[in-house]
Amino acid sequence: SFAIPVEPDRLKTLKVFVRQPADQIHAPAQTFKFRAEDKASFESNEYAATFNAPEAAK
């Protein structure tokens, strides 16, 4: 995990690139979750995402 500072009541756009080692790709698609947390207020939210393997790795 890593911290990304955001001003209160503001939005921040991020691009996150996800990689998976080729020897761990067992299906064309694999689900995972992003979790955002506010350490001060303990608020959090999760976003379900899908890793789509490159054609050569399928």
PDB file of N, CA and C in Angstrom:
ATOM      1  N   SER A   1       0.839  -1.177   0.000  1.00  0.00           N
ATOM      2  CA  SER A   1       0.000   0.000   0.000  1.00  0.00           C
ATOM      3  C   SER A   1       0.884   1.241   0.000  1.00  0.00           C
ATOM      4  N   PHE A   2       0.290   2.371  -0.339  1.00  0.00           N
ATOM      5  CA  PHE A   2       1.032   3.619  -0.343  1.00  0.00           C
ATOM      6  C   PHE A   2       0.078   4.773  -0.089  1.00  0.00           C
ATOM      7  N   ALA A   3       0.599   5.864   0.427  1.00  0.00           N
ATOM      8  CA  ALA A   3      -0.208   7.037   0.769  1.00  0.00           C
ATOM      9  C   ALA A   3      -0.230   8.019  -0.398  1.00  0.00           C
ATOM     10  N   ILE A   4      -1.413   8.567  -0.665  1.00  0.00           N
ATOM     11  CA  ILE A   4      -1.585   9.592  -1.688  1.00  0.00           C
ATOM     12  C   ILE A   4      -2.310  10.756  -1.016  1.00  0.00           C
ATOM     13  N   PRO A   5      -1.615  11.863  -0.753  1.00  0.00           N
ATOM     14  CA  PRO A   5      -2.269  12.977  -0.074  1.00  0.00           C
ATOM     15  C   PRO A   5      -3.326  13.642  -0.957  1.00  0.00           C
ATOM     16  N   VAL A   6      -4.475  13.927  -0.352  1.00  0.00           N
ATOM     17  CA  VAL A   6      -5.576  14.609  -1.032  1.00  0.00           C
ATOM     18  C   VAL A   6      -6.133  15.637  -0.056  1.00  0.00           C
ATOM     19  N   GLU A   7      -6.357  16.852  -0.543  1.00  0.00           N
ATOM     20  CA  GLU A   7      -6.925  17.902   0.302  1.00  0.00           C
ATOM     21  C   GLU A   7      -8.350  17.533   0.709  1.00  0.00           C
ATOM     22  N   PRO A   8      -8.793  17.964   1.893  1.00  0.00           N
ATOM     23  CA  PRO A   8     -10.172  17.675   2.334  1.00  0.00           C
ATOM     24  C   PRO A   8     -11.196  18.190   1.325  1.00  0.00           C
ATOM     25  N   ASP A   9     -12.240  17.404   1.113  1.00  0.00           N
ATOM     26  CA  ASP A   9     -13.344  17.750   0.205  1.00  0.00           C
ATOM     27  C   ASP A   9     -12.883  18.016  -1.224  1.00  0.00           C
ATOM     28  N   ARG A  10     -11.828  17.359  -1.645  1.00  0.00           N
ATOM     29  CA  ARG A  10     -11.306  17.474  -3.008  1.00  0.00           C
ATOM     30  C   ARG A  10     -11.226  16.087  -3.629  1.00  0.00           C
ATOM     31  N   LEU A  11     -11.206  16.061  -4.940  1.00  0.00           N
ATOM     32  CA  LEU A  11     -11.015  14.814  -5.675  1.00  0.00           C
ATOM     33  C   LEU A  11      -9.613  14.793  -6.258  1.00  0.00           C
ATOM     34  N   LYS A  12      -9.119  13.600  -6.509  1.00  0.00           N
ATOM     35  CA  LYS A  12      -7.818  13.464  -7.152  1.00  0.00           C
ATOM     36  C   LYS A  12      -7.914  12.321  -8.154  1.00  0.00           C
ATOM     37  N   THR A  13      -7.497  12.571  -9.379  1.00  0.00           N
ATOM     38  CA  THR A  13      -7.498  11.548 -10.420  1.00  0.00           C
ATOM     39  C   THR A  13      -6.161  10.814 -10.404  1.00  0.00           C
ATOM     40  N   LEU A  14      -6.237   9.496 -10.450  1.00  0.00           N
ATOM     41  CA  LEU A  14      -5.031   8.666 -10.456  1.00  0.00           C
ATOM     42  C   LEU A  14      -5.106   7.663 -11.594  1.00  0.00           C
ATOM     43  N   LYS A  15      -3.968   7.342 -12.160  1.00  0.00           N
ATOM     44  CA  LYS A  15      -3.859   6.224 -13.098  1.00  0.00           C
ATOM     45  C   LYS A  15      -3.033   5.169 -12.397  1.00  0.00           C
ATOM     46  N   VAL A  16      -3.585   3.985 -12.300  1.00  0.00           N
ATOM     47  CA  VAL A  16      -2.885   2.890 -11.639  1.00  0.00           C
ATOM     48  C   VAL A  16      -2.698   1.775 -12.657  1.00  0.00           C
ATOM     49  N   PHE A  17      -1.472   1.377 -12.869  1.00  0.00           N
ATOM     50  CA  PHE A  17      -1.175   0.290 -13.793  1.00  0.00           C
ATOM     51  C   PHE A  17      -0.888  -0.961 -12.975  1.00  0.00           C
ATOM     52  N   VAL A  18      -1.568  -2.042 -13.316  1.00  0.00           N
ATOM     53  CA  VAL A  18      -1.456  -3.292 -12.567  1.00  0.00           C
ATOM     54  C   VAL A  18      -0.744  -4.320 -13.435  1.00  0.00           C
ATOM     55  N   ARG A  19       0.225  -5.002 -12.836  1.00  0.00           N
ATOM     56  CA  ARG A  19       0.956  -6.063 -13.536  1.00  0.00           C
ATOM     57  C   ARG A  19       0.821  -7.350 -12.750  1.00  0.00           C
ATOM     58  N   GLN A  20       0.891  -8.450 -13.478  1.00  0.00           N
ATOM     59  CA  GLN A  20       0.867  -9.762 -12.840  1.00  0.00           C
ATOM     60  C   GLN A  20       1.920 -10.626 -13.533  1.00  0.00           C
ATOM     61  N   PRO A  21       2.776 -11.321 -12.775  1.00  0.00           N
ATOM     62  CA  PRO A  21       3.783 -12.179 -13.402  1.00  0.00           C
ATOM     63  C   PRO A  21       3.131 -13.226 -14.311  1.00  0.00           C
ATOM     64  N   ALA A  22       3.732 -13.470 -15.453  1.00  0.00           N
ATOM     65  CA  ALA A  22       3.160 -14.389 -16.439  1.00  0.00           C
ATOM     66  C   ALA A  22       2.894 -15.774 -15.865  1.00  0.00           C
ATOM     67  N   ASP A  23       3.755 -16.254 -14.960  1.00  0.00           N
ATOM     68  CA  ASP A  23       3.548 -17.597 -14.411  1.00  0.00           C
ATOM     69  C   ASP A  23       2.397 -17.662 -13.407  1.00  0.00           C
ATOM     70  N   GLN A  24       1.818 -16.511 -13.059  1.00  0.00           N
ATOM     71  CA  GLN A  24       0.677 -16.489 -12.140  1.00  0.00           C
ATOM     72  C   GLN A  24      -0.644 -16.200 -12.849  1.00  0.00           C
ATOM     73  N   ILE A  25      -0.617 -16.111 -14.167  1.00  0.00           N
ATOM     74  CA  ILE A  25      -1.844 -15.881 -14.934  1.00  0.00           C
ATOM     75  C   ILE A  25      -2.459 -17.238 -15.247  1.00  0.00           C
ATOM     76  N   HIS A  26      -3.574 -17.527 -14.602  1.00  0.00           N
ATOM     77  CA  HIS A  26      -4.230 -18.826 -14.769  1.00  0.00           C
ATOM     78  C   HIS A  26      -5.572 -18.723 -15.490  1.00  0.00           C
ATOM     79  N   ALA A  27      -6.000 -17.513 -15.806  1.00  0.00           N
ATOM     80  CA  ALA A  27      -7.276 -17.309 -16.489  1.00  0.00           C
ATOM     81  C   ALA A  27      -7.179 -16.020 -17.306  1.00  0.00           C
ATOM     82  N   PRO A  28      -8.038 -15.865 -18.310  1.00  0.00           N
ATOM     83  CA  PRO A  28      -8.005 -14.644 -19.121  1.00  0.00           C
ATOM     84  C   PRO A  28      -8.308 -13.377 -18.315  1.00  0.00           C
ATOM     85  N   ALA A  29      -9.075 -13.533 -17.222  1.00  0.00           N
ATOM     86  CA  ALA A  29      -9.422 -12.377 -16.389  1.00  0.00           C
ATOM     87  C   ALA A  29      -9.394 -12.784 -14.920  1.00  0.00           C
ATOM     88  N   GLN A  30      -8.955 -11.866 -14.082  1.00  0.00           N
ATOM     89  CA  GLN A  30      -8.915 -12.128 -12.646  1.00  0.00           C
ATOM     90  C   GLN A  30      -9.375 -10.871 -11.917  1.00  0.00           C
ATOM     91  N   THR A  31     -10.280 -11.035 -10.957  1.00  0.00           N
ATOM     92  CA  THR A  31     -10.784  -9.884 -10.214  1.00  0.00           C
ATOM     93  C   THR A  31      -9.881  -9.565  -9.022  1.00  0.00           C
ATOM     94  N   PHE A  32      -9.870  -8.301  -8.652  1.00  0.00           N
ATOM     95  CA  PHE A  32      -9.151  -7.841  -7.463  1.00  0.00           C
ATOM     96  C   PHE A  32      -9.831  -6.568  -6.981  1.00  0.00           C
ATOM     97  N   LYS A  33      -9.410  -6.037  -5.841  1.00  0.00           N
ATOM     98  CA  LYS A  33     -10.039  -4.843  -5.276  1.00  0.00           C
ATOM     99  C   LYS A  33      -9.012  -3.763  -4.990  1.00  0.00           C
ATOM    100  N   PHE A  34      -9.424  -2.519  -5.245  1.00  0.00           N
ATOM    101  CA  PHE A  34      -8.703  -1.348  -4.768  1.00  0.00           C
ATOM    102  C   PHE A  34      -9.419  -0.893  -3.513  1.00  0.00           C
ATOM    103  N   ARG A  35      -8.668  -0.520  -2.509  1.00  0.00           N
ATOM    104  CA  ARG A  35      -9.264  -0.030  -1.263  1.00  0.00           C
ATOM    105  C   ARG A  35      -8.667   1.336  -0.946  1.00  0.00           C
ATOM    106  N   ALA A  36      -9.545   2.312  -0.713  1.00  0.00           N
ATOM    107  CA  ALA A  36      -9.125   3.660  -0.313  1.00  0.00           C
ATOM    108  C   ALA A  36      -9.544   3.877   1.129  1.00  0.00           C
ATOM    109  N   GLU A  37      -8.613   4.395   1.930  1.00  0.00           N
ATOM    110  CA  GLU A  37      -8.891   4.612   3.348  1.00  0.00           C
ATOM    111  C   GLU A  37      -8.451   6.004   3.770  1.00  0.00           C
ATOM    112  N   ASP A  38      -9.219   6.591   4.669  1.00  0.00           N
ATOM    113  CA  ASP A  38      -8.815   7.823   5.341  1.00  0.00           C
ATOM    114  C   ASP A  38      -8.359   7.414   6.730  1.00  0.00           C
ATOM    115  N   LYS A  39      -7.065   7.501   6.981  1.00  0.00           N
ATOM    116  CA  LYS A  39      -6.510   7.049   8.264  1.00  0.00           C
ATOM    117  C   LYS A  39      -6.984   7.908   9.432  1.00  0.00           C
ATOM    118  N   ALA A  40      -7.381   9.157   9.171  1.00  0.00           N
ATOM    119  CA  ALA A  40      -7.830  10.045  10.251  1.00  0.00           C
ATOM    120  C   ALA A  40      -9.263   9.738  10.673  1.00  0.00           C
ATOM    121  N   SER A  41     -10.165   9.555   9.693  1.00  0.00           N
ATOM    122  CA  SER A  41     -11.586   9.345  10.014  1.00  0.00           C
ATOM    123  C   SER A  41     -11.987   7.871   9.972  1.00  0.00           C
ATOM    124  N   PHE A  42     -11.092   7.017   9.504  1.00  0.00           N
ATOM    125  CA  PHE A  42     -11.350   5.580   9.361  1.00  0.00           C
ATOM    126  C   PHE A  42     -12.410   5.270   8.301  1.00  0.00           C
ATOM    127  N   GLU A  43     -12.743   6.244   7.455  1.00  0.00           N
ATOM    128  CA  GLU A  43     -13.651   5.977   6.337  1.00  0.00           C
ATOM    129  C   GLU A  43     -12.880   5.186   5.287  1.00  0.00           C
ATOM    130  N   SER A  44     -13.604   4.317   4.567  1.00  0.00           N
ATOM    131  CA  SER A  44     -12.955   3.553   3.506  1.00  0.00           C
ATOM    132  C   SER A  44     -13.979   3.168   2.452  1.00  0.00           C
ATOM    133  N   ASN A  45     -13.474   2.787   1.297  1.00  0.00           N
ATOM    134  CA  ASN A  45     -14.323   2.326   0.209  1.00  0.00           C
ATOM    135  C   ASN A  45     -13.504   1.368  -0.645  1.00  0.00           C
ATOM    136  N   GLU A  46     -14.188   0.430  -1.292  1.00  0.00           N
ATOM    137  CA  GLU A  46     -13.525  -0.534  -2.165  1.00  0.00           C
ATOM    138  C   GLU A  46     -14.106  -0.451  -3.567  1.00  0.00           C
ATOM    139  N   TYR A  47     -13.263  -0.726  -4.539  1.00  0.00           N
ATOM    140  CA  TYR A  47     -13.660  -0.760  -5.933  1.00  0.00           C
ATOM    141  C   TYR A  47     -13.214  -2.092  -6.507  1.00  0.00           C
ATOM    142  N   ALA A  48     -14.165  -2.846  -7.018  1.00  0.00           N
ATOM    143  CA  ALA A  48     -13.845  -4.130  -7.652  1.00  0.00           C
ATOM    144  C   ALA A  48     -13.347  -3.857  -9.072  1.00  0.00           C
ATOM    145  N   ALA A  49     -12.246  -4.491  -9.431  1.00  0.00           N
ATOM    146  CA  ALA A  49     -11.649  -4.304 -10.749  1.00  0.00           C
ATOM    147  C   ALA A  49     -11.300  -5.660 -11.346  1.00  0.00           C
ATOM    148  N   THR A  50     -10.985  -5.673 -12.628  1.00  0.00           N
ATOM    149  CA  THR A  50     -10.631  -6.909 -13.320  1.00  0.00           C
ATOM    150  C   THR A  50      -9.305  -6.732 -14.047  1.00  0.00           C
ATOM    151  N   PHE A  51      -8.390  -7.674 -13.827  1.00  0.00           N
ATOM    152  CA  PHE A  51      -7.140  -7.728 -14.573  1.00  0.00           C
ATOM    153  C   PHE A  51      -7.392  -8.602 -15.788  1.00  0.00           C
ATOM    154  N   ASN A  52      -7.232  -8.041 -16.982  1.00  0.00           N
ATOM    155  CA  ASN A  52      -7.396  -8.797 -18.225  1.00  0.00           C
ATOM    156  C   ASN A  52      -6.015  -9.147 -18.757  1.00  0.00           C
ATOM    157  N   ALA A  53      -5.734 -10.431 -18.833  1.00  0.00           N
ATOM    158  CA  ALA A  53      -4.416 -10.892 -19.269  1.00  0.00           C
ATOM    159  C   ALA A  53      -4.190 -10.562 -20.740  1.00  0.00           C
ATOM    160  N   PRO A  54      -2.950 -10.260 -21.101  1.00  0.00           N
ATOM    161  CA  PRO A  54      -2.636 -10.047 -22.517  1.00  0.00           C
ATOM    162  C   PRO A  54      -2.921 -11.322 -23.310  1.00  0.00           C
ATOM    163  N   GLU A  55      -3.221 -11.179 -24.578  1.00  0.00           N
ATOM    164  CA  GLU A  55      -3.554 -12.331 -25.427  1.00  0.00           C
ATOM    165  C   GLU A  55      -2.468 -13.400 -25.392  1.00  0.00           C
ATOM    166  N   ALA A  56      -1.211 -13.013 -25.394  1.00  0.00           N
ATOM    167  CA  ALA A  56      -0.117 -13.988 -25.431  1.00  0.00           C
ATOM    168  C   ALA A  56      -0.036 -14.817 -24.154  1.00  0.00           C
ATOM    169  N   ALA A  57      -0.521 -14.278 -23.040  1.00  0.00           N
ATOM    170  CA  ALA A  57      -0.420 -14.981 -21.756  1.00  0.00           C
ATOM    171  C   ALA A  57      -1.600 -15.901 -21.491  1.00  0.00           C
ATOM    172  N   LYS A  58      -2.671 -15.764 -22.253  1.00  0.00           N
ATOM    173  CA  LYS A  58      -3.874 -16.565 -22.010  1.00  0.00           C
ATOM    174  C   LYS A  58      -3.619 -17.948 -22.440  1.00  0.00           C
TER     175      LYS A  58
END
